[in-house]
Protein backbone atom coordinates (compact mmCIF):
# COMPACT_ATOMS: atom_id res chain seq x y z
CA MET A 1 -61.71 -58.34 63.34
CA ALA A 2 -60.31 -56.08 65.88
CA GLY A 3 -62.27 -53.68 67.53
CA HIS A 4 -65.23 -55.69 66.97
CA ARG A 5 -67.69 -57.34 69.83
CA PRO A 6 -70.78 -59.46 69.97
CA PHE A 7 -74.12 -56.66 71.46
CA ALA A 8 -74.38 -59.23 74.14
CA ASP A 9 -71.23 -58.60 75.52
CA LEU A 10 -71.52 -54.96 75.42
CA THR A 11 -74.99 -55.01 76.82
CA LYS A 12 -74.20 -57.69 79.73
CA ASP A 13 -73.82 -54.97 82.31
CA TRP A 14 -76.89 -53.19 82.01
CA PRO A 15 -79.25 -53.21 84.35
CA PRO A 16 -82.72 -55.02 84.19
CA GLU A 17 -84.67 -51.95 83.54
CA ARG A 18 -82.24 -50.30 80.58
CA ARG A 19 -82.17 -54.03 78.82
CA GLN A 20 -86.09 -53.76 79.23
CA ARG A 21 -86.16 -50.48 78.00
CA VAL A 22 -83.98 -51.06 74.87
CA LYS A 23 -86.45 -54.56 74.23
CA GLU A 24 -89.26 -52.66 74.03
CA GLU A 25 -88.39 -49.86 71.73
CA ALA A 26 -87.00 -52.60 69.72
CA ASN A 27 -89.95 -54.42 69.25
CA ALA A 28 -92.04 -50.96 68.42
CA LEU A 29 -89.62 -50.28 65.45
CA LEU A 30 -90.33 -53.60 64.39
CA HIS A 31 -94.42 -52.50 64.40
CA GLU A 32 -93.54 -49.53 62.35
CA MET A 33 -91.74 -49.55 59.08
CA ARG A 34 -91.31 -47.70 55.99
CA LEU A 35 -92.03 -49.27 52.70
CA HIS A 36 -88.40 -49.87 51.70
CA GLU A 37 -87.70 -51.17 55.45
CA LEU A 38 -90.84 -53.64 55.06
CA ARG A 39 -89.47 -54.53 51.38
CA ARG A 40 -86.00 -55.37 52.97
CA ALA A 41 -87.06 -57.45 55.83
CA ARG A 42 -89.35 -59.46 53.54
CA GLU A 43 -85.35 -60.15 51.96
CA LEU A 44 -86.84 -58.72 48.50
CA THR A 45 -85.27 -56.31 46.04
CA GLN A 46 -86.93 -53.79 44.28
CA GLN A 47 -86.72 -55.74 40.92
CA ASP A 48 -87.97 -58.59 42.84
CA LEU A 49 -91.11 -56.98 43.96
CA ALA A 50 -91.53 -55.02 40.62
CA GLU A 51 -91.67 -58.11 38.70
CA ARG A 52 -94.36 -59.26 41.30
CA LEU A 53 -95.96 -55.99 40.70
CA GLN A 54 -95.55 -56.31 37.02
CA VAL A 55 -94.16 -52.80 36.70
CA ASN A 56 -90.45 -51.43 36.55
CA GLN A 57 -88.03 -51.28 39.25
CA PRO A 58 -88.03 -47.53 38.93
CA ALA A 59 -91.72 -47.64 39.71
CA VAL A 60 -91.03 -49.50 42.79
CA ALA A 61 -88.36 -46.80 43.87
CA LYS A 62 -90.78 -43.96 43.00
CA MET A 63 -93.53 -45.46 45.40
CA GLU A 64 -91.19 -45.98 48.38
CA GLN A 65 -90.32 -42.72 47.78
CA ARG A 66 -93.41 -41.03 47.93
CA ALA A 67 -95.37 -39.68 50.72
CA ASP A 68 -98.82 -40.05 49.39
CA VAL A 69 -99.89 -43.02 47.70
CA TYR A 70 -103.08 -44.61 46.44
CA VAL A 71 -104.68 -46.84 48.86
CA SER A 72 -105.19 -49.16 46.29
CA SER A 73 -101.32 -48.97 45.08
CA LEU A 74 -100.35 -49.52 48.79
CA ARG A 75 -102.67 -52.51 48.88
CA HIS A 76 -100.94 -54.12 45.94
CA TYR A 77 -97.37 -53.19 47.55
CA ILE A 78 -98.40 -54.94 50.59
CA GLU A 79 -100.01 -58.37 49.09
CA ALA A 80 -96.84 -58.82 46.49
CA VAL A 81 -94.48 -58.77 49.94
CA GLY A 82 -96.84 -61.40 51.47
CA GLY A 83 -99.03 -59.05 53.02
CA ARG A 84 -102.74 -57.67 53.41
CA LEU A 85 -103.35 -53.92 54.04
CA LYS A 86 -106.13 -52.87 57.08
CA VAL A 87 -106.76 -49.69 57.10
CA VAL A 88 -107.69 -48.61 61.06
CA ALA A 89 -108.48 -45.46 62.37
CA GLU A 90 -107.44 -44.81 66.08
CA PHE A 91 -109.35 -42.80 68.83
CA PRO A 92 -109.41 -41.91 72.18
CA GLU A 93 -112.77 -44.82 72.69
CA GLY A 94 -110.47 -47.22 70.70
CA GLU A 95 -109.79 -48.42 66.79
CA VAL A 96 -112.32 -48.76 64.19
CA ALA A 97 -111.56 -50.58 60.87
CA ILE A 98 -112.21 -48.99 57.87
CA THR A 99 -113.64 -51.49 55.16
CA ASN A 100 -114.42 -49.57 52.18
CA PHE A 101 -110.99 -50.04 50.62
CA SER A 102 -111.86 -53.47 49.44
CA GLU A 103 -110.97 -55.07 46.53
CA VAL A 104 -112.34 -53.13 43.19
CA GLY A 105 -115.48 -55.97 42.34
CA GLN A 106 -115.88 -57.22 45.62
CA LYS A 107 -119.21 -56.08 46.85
CA PRO A 108 -118.41 -53.95 50.34
CA PRO A 109 -120.60 -55.10 53.73
CA SER A 110 -123.93 -54.42 53.81
CA GLN A 111 -125.03 -51.76 55.67
CA SER A 112 -127.55 -52.17 58.77
């Protein structure tokens, strides 16, 4: 194909600082994804996911477009793509894992 060159050819003359900055930005993008991007990265179609969740494909499409989703729905979605959902609150002093979103039927951790 005329006019197409490998990315490595386009970046070979970049200074090391620029290459490092681009690498860091790319890594940051891999740690933040929308639901549909996560599904695609896991090489799943909406239909694949619908079958795993035992819903219809439009339900998956609707969930991926929503800005506000139930934690339980999000947990099921993440589990269907092969992950485990963790809810973490960030504070200036550090992070705290929120544990009261466990599976229905599981006992919550005992309080001290």
